[in-house]
Amino acid sequence: MKSEKKRRKSLDDMIDEHVGVVGTEDRNYFEQELRLDILGYTIKKIREEKHLTQEQLGKMVGVKKAQISKIENNLTDARFETILKVFRALGAKINFNIELNSVSIV
């Protein structure tokens, strides 16, 4: 039997192939959704580290438990202000990086 070498692909190569290359509408949508997933995961992780329930965090922020669940699971287009309130309630420092036409401005 002839041994075949399998070509390894980087994660970026796989995403390019299956989602689309950087700059395409599909890739932009994918990356936006990925960022929102990471945001929700981060909120959940911090909440759990602080031993808070979704209901407790919701009361601290002024929203219902269901809203916290939706934010953590990326099931809603939560208002930006609500996301900020959640991070403030968790005592998290918030930093933003803004990029305009591939030029970092903040």
PDB file of N, CA and C in Angstrom:
ATOM      1  N   MET A   1       0.822  -1.189   0.000  1.00  0.00           N
ATOM      2  CA  MET A   1       0.000   0.000   0.000  1.00  0.00           C
ATOM      3  C   MET A   1       0.870   1.258   0.000  1.00  0.00           C
ATOM      4  N   LYS A   2       0.452   2.165  -0.761  1.00  0.00           N
ATOM      5  CA  LYS A   2       1.167   3.423  -0.867  1.00  0.00           C
ATOM      6  C   LYS A   2       0.687   4.360   0.246  1.00  0.00           C
ATOM      7  N   SER A   3       1.625   4.924   0.992  1.00  0.00           N
ATOM      8  CA  SER A   3       1.210   5.833   2.056  1.00  0.00           C
ATOM      9  C   SER A   3       0.943   7.207   1.455  1.00  0.00           C
ATOM     10  N   GLU A   4      -0.146   7.763   1.862  1.00  0.00           N
ATOM     11  CA  GLU A   4      -0.519   9.090   1.370  1.00  0.00           C
ATOM     12  C   GLU A   4      -0.350  10.105   2.477  1.00  0.00           C
ATOM     13  N   LYS A   5       0.239  11.199   2.137  1.00  0.00           N
ATOM     14  CA  LYS A   5       0.357  12.283   3.108  1.00  0.00           C
ATOM     15  C   LYS A   5      -0.899  13.126   3.028  1.00  0.00           C
ATOM     16  N   LYS A   6      -1.473  13.349   4.169  1.00  0.00           N
ATOM     17  CA  LYS A   6      -2.652  14.215   4.212  1.00  0.00           C
ATOM     18  C   LYS A   6      -2.184  15.648   4.369  1.00  0.00           C
ATOM     19  N   ARG A   7      -2.760  16.492   3.563  1.00  0.00           N
ATOM     20  CA  ARG A   7      -2.430  17.911   3.636  1.00  0.00           C
ATOM     21  C   ARG A   7      -3.211  18.520   4.796  1.00  0.00           C
ATOM     22  N   ARG A   8      -2.504  19.178   5.646  1.00  0.00           N
ATOM     23  CA  ARG A   8      -3.159  19.861   6.759  1.00  0.00           C
ATOM     24  C   ARG A   8      -3.538  21.257   6.324  1.00  0.00           C
ATOM     25  N   LYS A   9      -4.702  21.665   6.773  1.00  0.00           N
ATOM     26  CA  LYS A   9      -5.171  23.016   6.454  1.00  0.00           C
ATOM     27  C   LYS A   9      -5.247  23.825   7.740  1.00  0.00           C
ATOM     28  N   SER A  10      -4.949  25.070   7.615  1.00  0.00           N
ATOM     29  CA  SER A  10      -5.099  25.954   8.770  1.00  0.00           C
ATOM     30  C   SER A  10      -6.583  26.252   8.962  1.00  0.00           C
ATOM     31  N   LEU A  11      -6.921  26.738  10.134  1.00  0.00           N
ATOM     32  CA  LEU A  11      -8.306  27.123  10.399  1.00  0.00           C
ATOM     33  C   LEU A  11      -8.754  28.202   9.424  1.00  0.00           C
ATOM     34  N   ASP A  12      -7.875  29.157   9.158  1.00  0.00           N
ATOM     35  CA  ASP A  12      -8.210  30.221   8.207  1.00  0.00           C
ATOM     36  C   ASP A  12      -8.496  29.660   6.818  1.00  0.00           C
ATOM     37  N   ASP A  13      -7.688  28.678   6.384  1.00  0.00           N
ATOM     38  CA  ASP A  13      -7.929  28.060   5.076  1.00  0.00           C
ATOM     39  C   ASP A  13      -9.288  27.368   5.034  1.00  0.00           C
ATOM     40  N   MET A  14      -9.621  26.679   6.109  1.00  0.00           N
ATOM     41  CA  MET A  14     -10.910  25.978   6.156  1.00  0.00           C
ATOM     42  C   MET A  14     -12.076  26.962   6.152  1.00  0.00           C
ATOM     43  N   ILE A  15     -11.937  28.046   6.896  1.00  0.00           N
ATOM     44  CA  ILE A  15     -12.995  29.056   6.920  1.00  0.00           C
ATOM     45  C   ILE A  15     -13.131  29.701   5.547  1.00  0.00           C
ATOM     46  N   ASP A  16     -11.998  30.020   4.918  1.00  0.00           N
ATOM     47  CA  ASP A  16     -12.036  30.573   3.557  1.00  0.00           C
ATOM     48  C   ASP A  16     -12.797  29.649   2.625  1.00  0.00           C
ATOM     49  N   GLU A  17     -12.520  28.356   2.712  1.00  0.00           N
ATOM     50  CA  GLU A  17     -13.123  27.375   1.814  1.00  0.00           C
ATOM     51  C   GLU A  17     -14.611  27.162   2.085  1.00  0.00           C
ATOM     52  N   HIS A  18     -14.985  27.094   3.347  1.00  0.00           N
ATOM     53  CA  HIS A  18     -16.357  26.720   3.689  1.00  0.00           C
ATOM     54  C   HIS A  18     -17.284  27.897   3.969  1.00  0.00           C
ATOM     55  N   VAL A  19     -16.719  29.042   4.314  1.00  0.00           N
ATOM     56  CA  VAL A  19     -17.551  30.212   4.635  1.00  0.00           C
ATOM     57  C   VAL A  19     -17.391  31.298   3.585  1.00  0.00           C
ATOM     58  N   GLY A  20     -16.171  31.545   3.200  1.00  0.00           N
ATOM     59  CA  GLY A  20     -15.873  32.599   2.235  1.00  0.00           C
ATOM     60  C   GLY A  20     -14.621  33.339   2.651  1.00  0.00           C
ATOM     61  N   VAL A  21     -13.988  33.983   1.719  1.00  0.00           N
ATOM     62  CA  VAL A  21     -12.751  34.706   2.015  1.00  0.00           C
ATOM     63  C   VAL A  21     -13.065  36.025   2.714  1.00  0.00           C
ATOM     64  N   VAL A  22     -12.058  36.558   3.377  1.00  0.00           N
ATOM     65  CA  VAL A  22     -12.202  37.825   4.096  1.00  0.00           C
ATOM     66  C   VAL A  22     -12.710  38.899   3.139  1.00  0.00           C
ATOM     67  N   GLY A  23     -13.695  39.657   3.610  1.00  0.00           N
ATOM     68  CA  GLY A  23     -14.253  40.747   2.811  1.00  0.00           C
ATOM     69  C   GLY A  23     -15.552  40.396   2.112  1.00  0.00           C
ATOM     70  N   THR A  24     -15.877  39.096   2.034  1.00  0.00           N
ATOM     71  CA  THR A  24     -17.134  38.717   1.406  1.00  0.00           C
ATOM     72  C   THR A  24     -18.273  38.872   2.412  1.00  0.00           C
ATOM     73  N   GLU A  25     -19.476  39.013   1.906  1.00  0.00           N
ATOM     74  CA  GLU A  25     -20.641  39.190   2.779  1.00  0.00           C
ATOM     75  C   GLU A  25     -20.802  38.011   3.737  1.00  0.00           C
ATOM     76  N   ASP A  26     -20.641  36.784   3.227  1.00  0.00           N
ATOM     77  CA  ASP A  26     -20.793  35.593   4.079  1.00  0.00           C
ATOM     78  C   ASP A  26     -19.735  35.565   5.180  1.00  0.00           C
ATOM     79  N   ARG A  27     -18.507  35.918   4.849  1.00  0.00           N
ATOM     80  CA  ARG A  27     -17.432  35.901   5.845  1.00  0.00           C
ATOM     81  C   ARG A  27     -17.660  36.979   6.895  1.00  0.00           C
ATOM     82  N   ASN A  28     -18.069  38.165   6.462  1.00  0.00           N
ATOM     83  CA  ASN A  28     -18.352  39.238   7.420  1.00  0.00           C
ATOM     84  C   ASN A  28     -19.449  38.834   8.392  1.00  0.00           C
ATOM     85  N   TYR A  29     -20.507  38.208   7.869  1.00  0.00           N
ATOM     86  CA  TYR A  29     -21.607  37.746   8.722  1.00  0.00           C
ATOM     87  C   TYR A  29     -21.100  36.692   9.708  1.00  0.00           C
ATOM     88  N   PHE A  30     -20.316  35.750   9.220  1.00  0.00           N
ATOM     89  CA  PHE A  30     -19.748  34.697  10.064  1.00  0.00           C
ATOM     90  C   PHE A  30     -18.924  35.291  11.198  1.00  0.00           C
ATOM     91  N   GLU A  31     -18.057  36.231  10.875  1.00  0.00           N
ATOM     92  CA  GLU A  31     -17.191  36.825  11.891  1.00  0.00           C
ATOM     93  C   GLU A  31     -17.979  37.646  12.903  1.00  0.00           C
ATOM     94  N   GLN A  32     -19.028  38.330  12.446  1.00  0.00           N
ATOM     95  CA  GLN A  32     -19.873  39.088  13.365  1.00  0.00           C
ATOM     96  C   GLN A  32     -20.576  38.137  14.336  1.00  0.00           C
ATOM     97  N   GLU A  33     -21.124  37.054  13.819  1.00  0.00           N
ATOM     98  CA  GLU A  33     -21.807  36.084  14.672  1.00  0.00           C
ATOM     99  C   GLU A  33     -20.831  35.428  15.641  1.00  0.00           C
ATOM    100  N   LEU A  34     -19.621  35.158  15.184  1.00  0.00           N
ATOM    101  CA  LEU A  34     -18.607  34.561  16.039  1.00  0.00           C
ATOM    102  C   LEU A  34     -18.277  35.496  17.195  1.00  0.00           C
ATOM    103  N   ARG A  35     -18.139  36.781  16.887  1.00  0.00           N
ATOM    104  CA  ARG A  35     -17.855  37.759  17.951  1.00  0.00           C
ATOM    105  C   ARG A  35     -18.990  37.810  18.969  1.00  0.00           C
ATOM    106  N   LEU A  36     -20.226  37.736  18.497  1.00  0.00           N
ATOM    107  CA  LEU A  36     -21.364  37.756  19.410  1.00  0.00           C
ATOM    108  C   LEU A  36     -21.405  36.493  20.272  1.00  0.00           C
ATOM    109  N   ASP A  37     -21.038  35.355  19.676  1.00  0.00           N
ATOM    110  CA  ASP A  37     -20.959  34.116  20.452  1.00  0.00           C
ATOM    111  C   ASP A  37     -19.923  34.236  21.557  1.00  0.00           C
ATOM    112  N   ILE A  38     -18.779  34.806  21.225  1.00  0.00           N
ATOM    113  CA  ILE A  38     -17.706  34.972  22.207  1.00  0.00           C
ATOM    114  C   ILE A  38     -18.146  35.936  23.308  1.00  0.00           C
ATOM    115  N   LEU A  39     -18.844  36.976  22.944  1.00  0.00           N
ATOM    116  CA  LEU A  39     -19.363  37.935  23.914  1.00  0.00           C
ATOM    117  C   LEU A  39     -20.303  37.243  24.900  1.00  0.00           C
ATOM    118  N   GLY A  40     -21.239  36.461  24.379  1.00  0.00           N
ATOM    119  CA  GLY A  40     -22.179  35.731  25.233  1.00  0.00           C
ATOM    120  C   GLY A  40     -21.482  34.729  26.130  1.00  0.00           C
ATOM    121  N   TYR A  41     -20.510  34.007  25.558  1.00  0.00           N
ATOM    122  CA  TYR A  41     -19.747  33.036  26.336  1.00  0.00           C
ATOM    123  C   TYR A  41     -19.001  33.732  27.476  1.00  0.00           C
ATOM    124  N   THR A  42     -18.419  34.889  27.179  1.00  0.00           N
ATOM    125  CA  THR A  42     -17.663  35.635  28.183  1.00  0.00           C
ATOM    126  C   THR A  42     -18.576  36.085  29.325  1.00  0.00           C
ATOM    127  N   ILE A  43     -19.743  36.589  28.986  1.00  0.00           N
ATOM    128  CA  ILE A  43     -20.698  37.011  30.014  1.00  0.00           C
ATOM    129  C   ILE A  43     -21.072  35.829  30.898  1.00  0.00           C
ATOM    130  N   LYS A  44     -21.375  34.709  30.284  1.00  0.00           N
ATOM    131  CA  LYS A  44     -21.764  33.516  31.050  1.00  0.00           C
ATOM    132  C   LYS A  44     -20.626  33.072  31.968  1.00  0.00           C
ATOM    133  N   LYS A  45     -19.424  33.043  31.451  1.00  0.00           N
ATOM    134  CA  LYS A  45     -18.279  32.591  32.240  1.00  0.00           C
ATOM    135  C   LYS A  45     -18.049  33.494  33.452  1.00  0.00           C
ATOM    136  N   ILE A  46     -18.079  34.800  33.243  1.00  0.00           N
ATOM    137  CA  ILE A  46     -17.886  35.740  34.359  1.00  0.00           C
ATOM    138  C   ILE A  46     -19.013  35.590  35.374  1.00  0.00           C
ATOM    139  N   ARG A  47     -20.254  35.478  34.884  1.00  0.00           N
ATOM    140  CA  ARG A  47     -21.411  35.320  35.781  1.00  0.00           C
ATOM    141  C   ARG A  47     -21.238  34.085  36.653  1.00  0.00           C
ATOM    142  N   GLU A  48     -20.844  32.978  36.035  1.00  0.00           N
ATOM    143  CA  GLU A  48     -20.670  31.738  36.787  1.00  0.00           C
ATOM    144  C   GLU A  48     -19.512  31.829  37.776  1.00  0.00           C
ATOM    145  N   GLU A  49     -18.426  32.506  37.386  1.00  0.00           N
ATOM    146  CA  GLU A  49     -17.292  32.691  38.294  1.00  0.00           C
ATOM    147  C   GLU A  49     -17.693  33.500  39.519  1.00  0.00           C
ATOM    148  N   LYS A  50     -18.659  34.395  39.346  1.00  0.00           N
ATOM    149  CA  LYS A  50     -19.136  35.223  40.452  1.00  0.00           C
ATOM    150  C   LYS A  50     -20.293  34.551  41.196  1.00  0.00           C
ATOM    151  N   HIS A  51     -20.598  33.308  40.801  1.00  0.00           N
ATOM    152  CA  HIS A  51     -21.655  32.507  41.434  1.00  0.00           C
ATOM    153  C   HIS A  51     -23.009  33.215  41.417  1.00  0.00           C
ATOM    154  N   LEU A  52     -23.306  33.816  40.288  1.00  0.00           N
ATOM    155  CA  LEU A  52     -24.591  34.481  40.093  1.00  0.00           C
ATOM    156  C   LEU A  52     -25.466  33.635  39.182  1.00  0.00           C
ATOM    157  N   THR A  53     -26.758  33.636  39.443  1.00  0.00           N
ATOM    158  CA  THR A  53     -27.696  33.010  38.515  1.00  0.00           C
ATOM    159  C   THR A  53     -28.067  34.040  37.451  1.00  0.00           C
ATOM    160  N   GLN A  54     -28.674  33.571  36.389  1.00  0.00           N
ATOM    161  CA  GLN A  54     -29.151  34.501  35.363  1.00  0.00           C
ATOM    162  C   GLN A  54     -30.195  35.429  35.957  1.00  0.00           C
ATOM    163  N   GLU A  55     -31.017  34.915  36.843  1.00  0.00           N
ATOM    164  CA  GLU A  55     -32.044  35.738  37.469  1.00  0.00           C
ATOM    165  C   GLU A  55     -31.416  36.847  38.321  1.00  0.00           C
ATOM    166  N   GLN A  56     -30.388  36.504  39.106  1.00  0.00           N
ATOM    167  CA  GLN A  56     -29.716  37.513  39.934  1.00  0.00           C
ATOM    168  C   GLN A  56     -29.076  38.595  39.074  1.00  0.00           C
ATOM    169  N   LEU A  57     -28.387  38.184  38.009  1.00  0.00           N
ATOM    170  CA  LEU A  57     -27.754  39.158  37.123  1.00  0.00           C
ATOM    171  C   LEU A  57     -28.807  40.025  36.450  1.00  0.00           C
ATOM    172  N   GLY A  58     -29.903  39.411  36.033  1.00  0.00           N
ATOM    173  CA  GLY A  58     -30.989  40.166  35.414  1.00  0.00           C
ATOM    174  C   GLY A  58     -31.526  41.246  36.335  1.00  0.00           C
ATOM    175  N   LYS A  59     -31.694  40.922  37.612  1.00  0.00           N
ATOM    176  CA  LYS A  59     -32.181  41.908  38.581  1.00  0.00           C
ATOM    177  C   LYS A  59     -31.176  43.051  38.744  1.00  0.00           C
ATOM    178  N   MET A  60     -29.891  42.724  38.720  1.00  0.00           N
ATOM    179  CA  MET A  60     -28.855  43.753  38.851  1.00  0.00           C
ATOM    180  C   MET A  60     -28.874  44.719  37.664  1.00  0.00           C
ATOM    181  N   VAL A  61     -29.253  44.190  36.505  1.00  0.00           N
ATOM    182  CA  VAL A  61     -29.223  44.965  35.271  1.00  0.00           C
ATOM    183  C   VAL A  61     -30.575  45.617  34.972  1.00  0.00           C
ATOM    184  N   GLY A  62     -31.647  45.032  35.507  1.00  0.00           N
ATOM    185  CA  GLY A  62     -32.989  45.553  35.239  1.00  0.00           C
ATOM    186  C   GLY A  62     -33.666  44.866  34.071  1.00  0.00           C
ATOM    187  N   VAL A  63     -33.284  43.604  33.818  1.00  0.00           N
ATOM    188  CA  VAL A  63     -33.931  42.808  32.771  1.00  0.00           C
ATOM    189  C   VAL A  63     -34.333  41.455  33.347  1.00  0.00           C
ATOM    190  N   LYS A  64     -35.120  40.730  32.598  1.00  0.00           N
ATOM    191  CA  LYS A  64     -35.556  39.406  33.053  1.00  0.00           C
ATOM    192  C   LYS A  64     -34.479  38.354  32.797  1.00  0.00           C
ATOM    193  N   LYS A  65     -34.593  37.250  33.525  1.00  0.00           N
ATOM    194  CA  LYS A  65     -33.680  36.117  33.376  1.00  0.00           C
ATOM    195  C   LYS A  65     -33.599  35.669  31.922  1.00  0.00           C
ATOM    196  N   ALA A  66     -34.731  35.649  31.243  1.00  0.00           N
ATOM    197  CA  ALA A  66     -34.767  35.200  29.849  1.00  0.00           C
ATOM    198  C   ALA A  66     -33.874  36.060  28.958  1.00  0.00           C
ATOM    199  N   GLN A  67     -33.800  37.358  29.234  1.00  0.00           N
ATOM    200  CA  GLN A  67     -32.949  38.249  28.435  1.00  0.00           C
ATOM    201  C   GLN A  67     -31.476  37.900  28.635  1.00  0.00           C
ATOM    202  N   ILE A  68     -31.083  37.607  29.872  1.00  0.00           N
ATOM    203  CA  ILE A  68     -29.696  37.210  30.143  1.00  0.00           C
ATOM    204  C   ILE A  68     -29.387  35.910  29.418  1.00  0.00           C
ATOM    205  N   SER A  69     -30.297  34.969  29.456  1.00  0.00           N
ATOM    206  CA  SER A  69     -30.118  33.698  28.754  1.00  0.00           C
ATOM    207  C   SER A  69     -29.950  33.914  27.256  1.00  0.00           C
ATOM    208  N   LYS A  70     -30.769  34.768  26.684  1.00  0.00           N
ATOM    209  CA  LYS A  70     -30.684  35.052  25.246  1.00  0.00           C
ATOM    210  C   LYS A  70     -29.355  35.712  24.887  1.00  0.00           C
ATOM    211  N   ILE A  71     -28.888  36.612  25.731  1.00  0.00           N
ATOM    212  CA  ILE A  71     -27.598  37.269  25.477  1.00  0.00           C
ATOM    213  C   ILE A  71     -26.474  36.230  25.542  1.00  0.00           C
ATOM    214  N   GLU A  72     -26.495  35.397  26.567  1.00  0.00           N
ATOM    215  CA  GLU A  72     -25.444  34.399  26.733  1.00  0.00           C
ATOM    216  C   GLU A  72     -25.422  33.388  25.584  1.00  0.00           C
ATOM    217  N   ASN A  73     -26.577  33.121  25.013  1.00  0.00           N
ATOM    218  CA  ASN A  73     -26.682  32.117  23.952  1.00  0.00           C
ATOM    219  C   ASN A  73     -26.811  32.723  22.560  1.00  0.00           C
ATOM    220  N   ASN A  74     -26.583  34.028  22.452  1.00  0.00           N
ATOM    221  CA  ASN A  74     -26.632  34.736  21.173  1.00  0.00           C
ATOM    222  C   ASN A  74     -27.955  34.520  20.445  1.00  0.00           C
ATOM    223  N   LEU A  75     -29.035  34.618  21.182  1.00  0.00           N
ATOM    224  CA  LEU A  75     -30.359  34.420  20.597  1.00  0.00           C
ATOM    225  C   LEU A  75     -31.135  35.713  20.441  1.00  0.00           C
ATOM    226  N   THR A  76     -30.475  36.825  20.639  1.00  0.00           N
ATOM    227  CA  THR A  76     -31.161  38.110  20.551  1.00  0.00           C
ATOM    228  C   THR A  76     -30.217  39.183  20.049  1.00  0.00           C
ATOM    229  N   ASP A  77     -30.778  40.214  19.505  1.00  0.00           N
ATOM    230  CA  ASP A  77     -30.010  41.405  19.176  1.00  0.00           C
ATOM    231  C   ASP A  77     -30.212  42.379  20.329  1.00  0.00           C
ATOM    232  N   ALA A  78     -29.516  42.102  21.422  1.00  0.00           N
ATOM    233  CA  ALA A  78     -29.660  42.926  22.615  1.00  0.00           C
ATOM    234  C   ALA A  78     -29.167  44.337  22.332  1.00  0.00           C
ATOM    235  N   ARG A  79     -29.775  45.287  23.010  1.00  0.00           N
ATOM    236  CA  ARG A  79     -29.337  46.670  22.875  1.00  0.00           C
ATOM    237  C   ARG A  79     -27.922  46.799  23.427  1.00  0.00           C
ATOM    238  N   PHE A  80     -27.156  47.656  22.813  1.00  0.00           N
ATOM    239  CA  PHE A  80     -25.777  47.894  23.223  1.00  0.00           C
ATOM    240  C   PHE A  80     -25.731  48.324  24.690  1.00  0.00           C
ATOM    241  N   GLU A  81     -26.655  49.168  25.066  1.00  0.00           N
ATOM    242  CA  GLU A  81     -26.714  49.658  26.456  1.00  0.00           C
ATOM    243  C   GLU A  81     -26.926  48.506  27.437  1.00  0.00           C
ATOM    244  N   THR A  82     -27.728  47.524  27.057  1.00  0.00           N
ATOM    245  CA  THR A  82     -27.963  46.372  27.927  1.00  0.00           C
ATOM    246  C   THR A  82     -26.680  45.572  28.111  1.00  0.00           C
ATOM    247  N   ILE A  83     -25.942  45.376  27.031  1.00  0.00           N
ATOM    248  CA  ILE A  83     -24.667  44.651  27.121  1.00  0.00           C
ATOM    249  C   ILE A  83     -23.706  45.397  28.050  1.00  0.00           C
ATOM    250  N   LEU A  84     -23.649  46.718  27.917  1.00  0.00           N
ATOM    251  CA  LEU A  84     -22.787  47.518  28.794  1.00  0.00           C
ATOM    252  C   LEU A  84     -23.214  47.379  30.250  1.00  0.00           C
ATOM    253  N   LYS A  85     -24.519  47.410  30.505  1.00  0.00           N
ATOM    254  CA  LYS A  85     -25.027  47.254  31.876  1.00  0.00           C
ATOM    255  C   LYS A  85     -24.640  45.899  32.455  1.00  0.00           C
ATOM    256  N   VAL A  86     -24.706  44.869  31.630  1.00  0.00           N
ATOM    257  CA  VAL A  86     -24.344  43.523  32.086  1.00  0.00           C
ATOM    258  C   VAL A  86     -22.877  43.498  32.506  1.00  0.00           C
ATOM    259  N   PHE A  87     -22.001  44.017  31.658  1.00  0.00           N
ATOM    260  CA  PHE A  87     -20.582  44.013  32.001  1.00  0.00           C
ATOM    261  C   PHE A  87     -20.306  44.873  33.232  1.00  0.00           C
ATOM    262  N   ARG A  88     -20.979  46.014  33.347  1.00  0.00           N
ATOM    263  CA  ARG A  88     -20.790  46.862  34.545  1.00  0.00           C
ATOM    264  C   ARG A  88     -21.234  46.122  35.799  1.00  0.00           C
ATOM    265  N   ALA A  89     -22.378  45.440  35.722  1.00  0.00           N
ATOM    266  CA  ALA A  89     -22.884  44.692  36.870  1.00  0.00           C
ATOM    267  C   ALA A  89     -21.917  43.573  37.270  1.00  0.00           C
ATOM    268  N   LEU A  90     -21.211  43.019  36.295  1.00  0.00           N
ATOM    269  CA  LEU A  90     -20.248  41.955  36.569  1.00  0.00           C
ATOM    270  C   LEU A  90     -18.892  42.501  37.001  1.00  0.00           C
ATOM    271  N   GLY A  91     -18.750  43.825  36.977  1.00  0.00           N
ATOM    272  CA  GLY A  91     -17.491  44.455  37.369  1.00  0.00           C
ATOM    273  C   GLY A  91     -16.397  44.262  36.342  1.00  0.00           C
ATOM    274  N   ALA A  92     -16.782  44.094  35.089  1.00  0.00           N
ATOM    275  CA  ALA A  92     -15.807  43.863  34.021  1.00  0.00           C
ATOM    276  C   ALA A  92     -15.373  45.177  33.386  1.00  0.00           C
ATOM    277  N   LYS A  93     -14.097  45.262  33.076  1.00  0.00           N
ATOM    278  CA  LYS A  93     -13.565  46.414  32.357  1.00  0.00           C
ATOM    279  C   LYS A  93     -13.845  46.201  30.872  1.00  0.00           C
ATOM    280  N   ILE A  94     -14.290  47.237  30.210  1.00  0.00           N
ATOM    281  CA  ILE A  94     -14.659  47.135  28.795  1.00  0.00           C
ATOM    282  C   ILE A  94     -13.710  47.979  27.966  1.00  0.00           C
ATOM    283  N   ASN A  95     -13.153  47.358  26.924  1.00  0.00           N
ATOM    284  CA  ASN A  95     -12.296  48.055  25.967  1.00  0.00           C
ATOM    285  C   ASN A  95     -12.857  47.822  24.580  1.00  0.00           C
ATOM    286  N   PHE A  96     -12.801  48.838  23.740  1.00  0.00           N
ATOM    287  CA  PHE A  96     -13.280  48.712  22.371  1.00  0.00           C
ATOM    288  C   PHE A  96     -12.150  48.993  21.400  1.00  0.00           C
ATOM    289  N   ASN A  97     -12.137  48.227  20.343  1.00  0.00           N
ATOM    290  CA  ASN A  97     -11.248  48.496  19.213  1.00  0.00           C
ATOM    291  C   ASN A  97     -12.148  48.735  18.018  1.00  0.00           C
ATOM    292  N   ILE A  98     -11.986  49.879  17.415  1.00  0.00           N
ATOM    293  CA  ILE A  98     -12.808  50.215  16.255  1.00  0.00           C
ATOM    294  C   ILE A  98     -11.901  50.288  15.039  1.00  0.00           C
ATOM    295  N   GLU A  99     -12.338  49.650  13.975  1.00  0.00           N
ATOM    296  CA  GLU A  99     -11.562  49.633  12.756  1.00  0.00           C
ATOM    297  C   GLU A  99     -12.426  50.164  11.626  1.00  0.00           C
ATOM    298  N   LEU A 100     -11.896  51.103  10.865  1.00  0.00           N
ATOM    299  CA  LEU A 100     -12.617  51.694   9.752  1.00  0.00           C
ATOM    300  C   LEU A 100     -11.768  51.524   8.510  1.00  0.00           C
ATOM    301  N   ASN A 101     -12.315  50.783   7.533  1.00  0.00           N
ATOM    302  CA  ASN A 101     -11.575  50.517   6.290  1.00  0.00           C
ATOM    303  C   ASN A 101     -10.182  49.961   6.577  1.00  0.00           C
ATOM    304  N   SER A 102     -10.149  48.982   7.492  1.00  0.00           N
ATOM    305  CA  SER A 102      -8.906  48.280   7.854  1.00  0.00           C
ATOM    306  C   SER A 102      -7.882  49.189   8.522  1.00  0.00           C
ATOM    307  N   VAL A 103      -8.305  50.336   9.039  1.00  0.00           N
ATOM    308  CA  VAL A 103      -7.404  51.241   9.758  1.00  0.00           C
ATOM    309  C   VAL A 103      -7.949  51.387  11.182  1.00  0.00           C
ATOM    310  N   SER A 104      -7.148  51.002  12.156  1.00  0.00           N
ATOM    311  CA  SER A 104      -7.571  51.102  13.544  1.00  0.00           C
ATOM    312  C   SER A 104      -7.669  52.568  13.936  1.00  0.00           C
ATOM    313  N   ILE A 105      -8.816  52.952  14.516  1.00  0.00           N
ATOM    314  CA  ILE A 105      -8.980  54.354  14.915  1.00  0.00           C
ATOM    315  C   ILE A 105      -9.091  54.519  16.424  1.00  0.00           C
ATOM    316  N   VAL A 106      -9.278  53.439  17.149  1.00  0.00           N
ATOM    317  CA  VAL A 106      -9.321  53.511  18.615  1.00  0.00           C
ATOM    318  C   VAL A 106      -8.523  52.369  19.182  1.00  0.00           C
TER     319      VAL A 106
END
